Structures are given as structure tokens and as C-alpha cells.
Protein backbone atom coordinates (compact mmCIF):
# COMPACT_ATOMS: atom_id res chain seq x y z
CA MET A 1 56.34 78.23 209.53
CA THR A 2 53.53 80.78 209.69
CA ALA A 3 49.89 80.08 210.55
CA ILE A 4 47.43 81.90 208.32
CA GLU A 5 44.23 80.33 209.71
CA ILE A 6 43.51 77.50 212.15
CA GLY A 7 40.14 76.07 213.10
CA GLY A 8 38.21 72.88 213.30
CA MET A 9 35.68 70.70 214.99
CA GLU A 10 35.64 68.17 217.81
CA ASP A 11 37.26 65.46 215.67
CA HIS A 12 39.64 67.33 213.38
CA VAL A 13 41.58 70.54 212.79
CA HIS A 14 42.35 72.50 209.65
CA ALA A 15 45.47 74.65 209.58
CA LEU A 16 46.47 76.84 206.66
CA ILE A 17 50.19 77.39 207.08
CA THR A 18 53.12 78.51 205.01
CA LEU A 19 56.29 76.45 205.16
CA PRO A 20 59.76 77.67 204.34
CA SER A 21 61.60 75.55 201.79
CA THR A 22 63.95 74.38 204.56
CA LEU A 23 61.16 72.76 206.61
CA SER A 24 59.67 69.45 205.53
CA LEU A 25 55.96 68.81 205.92
CA SER A 26 56.59 65.88 208.26
CA LYS A 27 58.79 68.02 210.51
CA ALA A 28 56.17 70.80 210.50
CA MET A 29 53.49 68.34 211.58
CA GLN A 30 55.75 66.95 214.29
CA LEU A 31 56.29 70.48 215.63
CA LEU A 32 52.61 71.43 215.41
CA LYS A 33 51.36 68.27 217.09
CA GLY A 34 54.09 68.19 219.73
CA ASN A 35 53.86 71.85 220.72
CA SER A 36 50.07 71.92 220.71
CA SER A 37 49.89 68.73 222.82
CA LYS A 38 52.28 70.26 225.34
CA TRP A 39 50.20 73.46 225.46
CA ILE A 40 46.92 71.54 225.90
CA HIS A 41 48.33 69.39 228.70
CA GLU A 42 49.82 72.40 230.52
CA THR A 43 46.82 74.69 230.02
CA PHE A 44 44.02 72.18 230.57
CA PRO A 45 45.07 69.68 233.26
CA GLU A 46 41.76 67.85 232.86
CA ARG A 47 42.78 67.02 229.25
CA GLN A 48 45.82 64.90 230.11
CA ALA A 49 44.42 62.07 227.99
CA PHE A 50 44.46 64.24 224.86
CA GLU A 51 46.56 62.91 221.99
CA TRP A 52 46.70 63.44 218.25
CA GLN A 53 46.00 60.60 215.85
CA GLU A 54 49.04 59.09 214.18
CA GLY A 55 48.53 60.42 210.66
CA TYR A 56 47.55 63.63 208.95
CA GLY A 57 46.38 64.90 205.59
CA ALA A 58 48.08 67.74 203.75
CA PHE A 59 47.12 69.62 200.62
CA SER A 60 48.87 72.49 198.89
CA ILE A 61 47.12 75.52 197.47
CA GLY A 62 48.17 78.45 195.33
CA VAL A 63 48.23 82.05 196.52
CA SER A 64 44.93 82.63 194.71
CA GLY A 65 43.28 80.00 196.93
CA ILE A 66 44.13 81.57 200.29
CA GLU A 67 40.94 83.61 200.70
CA THR A 68 38.67 80.68 199.81
CA THR A 69 40.59 78.34 202.11
CA VAL A 70 40.47 80.78 205.05
CA ASP A 71 36.71 81.11 204.54
CA TYR A 72 36.36 77.31 204.40
CA ILE A 73 38.26 76.90 207.68
CA LYS A 74 36.18 79.58 209.39
CA ARG A 75 32.91 77.89 208.33
CA GLN A 76 33.60 74.34 209.51
CA GLY A 77 30.45 74.22 211.64
CA GLU A 78 28.29 74.98 208.61
CA HIS A 79 30.07 72.40 206.42
CA HIS A 80 29.63 69.59 208.91
CA ARG A 81 25.95 70.19 209.56
CA GLN A 82 25.47 68.94 205.98
CA ARG A 83 27.99 66.09 205.89
CA SER A 84 30.58 64.52 208.15
CA PHE A 85 34.29 65.18 207.93
CA LYS A 86 34.84 61.66 206.59
CA GLU A 87 32.18 62.11 203.87
CA GLU A 88 33.64 65.46 202.88
CA LEU A 89 37.20 64.12 202.75
CA ILE A 90 36.22 61.12 200.61
CA GLU A 91 34.36 63.43 198.21
CA PHE A 92 37.43 65.70 198.02
CA LEU A 93 39.83 62.81 197.38
CA LYS A 94 37.60 61.34 194.66
CA LYS A 95 37.15 64.76 193.02
CA HIS A 96 40.93 65.07 192.74
CA ASN A 97 41.48 61.43 191.66
CA GLN A 98 43.38 60.55 194.83
CA SER A 99 43.45 56.99 196.07
CA TYR A 100 42.97 56.28 199.75
CA ASP A 101 42.71 53.40 202.16
CA ASP A 102 39.44 53.49 204.11
CA THR A 103 41.32 52.54 207.29
CA MET A 104 43.20 55.88 207.04
CA LEU A 105 39.93 57.73 207.60
CA ASP A 106 38.96 56.28 210.99
């Protein structure tokens, strides 16, 4: 697993990563969440209450989309001054004809 770009806001994180064919997405998320939680707890003792939410969202992109996606991740602050993460995600899911359960987005 290789991180290309990671960034986010107070309530969510975006990570553009490459996964080898031998690593499932669920295992990658388990490793990312587990290792980052350990690092946060060890590095910031005042953040002992930190925990990740149970779920996650994952989307694949082609090689031609890397530059645009990196730029998107770097500009999260700008995106969310105009609309919330939840609003943006719902718009994205609808645009790509993806069904969702509203309770997944809380």
C-alpha cells in the first residue's frame, strides 16, 4: 500500500492510495485506521478518546485522475466553505447513480 496524498477536515479524511492486488480494501482500511489510531494515541496523549467511525467510503480512479484527485484532497478547506462533506458526498453518489442509506452518512 502506498499513500499518494492524504488530507482532510475535522470530520473526515481523504486518502489517495494504491493497493497491491494481494491486499483487500477492507484489510487496507483496517491497517490504516489501526495504525493511525495507535500513532494518534501515542503522539497526542490528550487525544486518548479519538476513534474512527465504523465505516468508510472507497472509490477507485484511473491513472488519468490522479492529478485531479490530489488537487481535490489538497483543497478540502475551499470545498467545504461552499458545502458540507455530507452534502458533497450525497451529490457525488447521486451523480454516479449510487444508492445509499442516509444513516450511513452520520
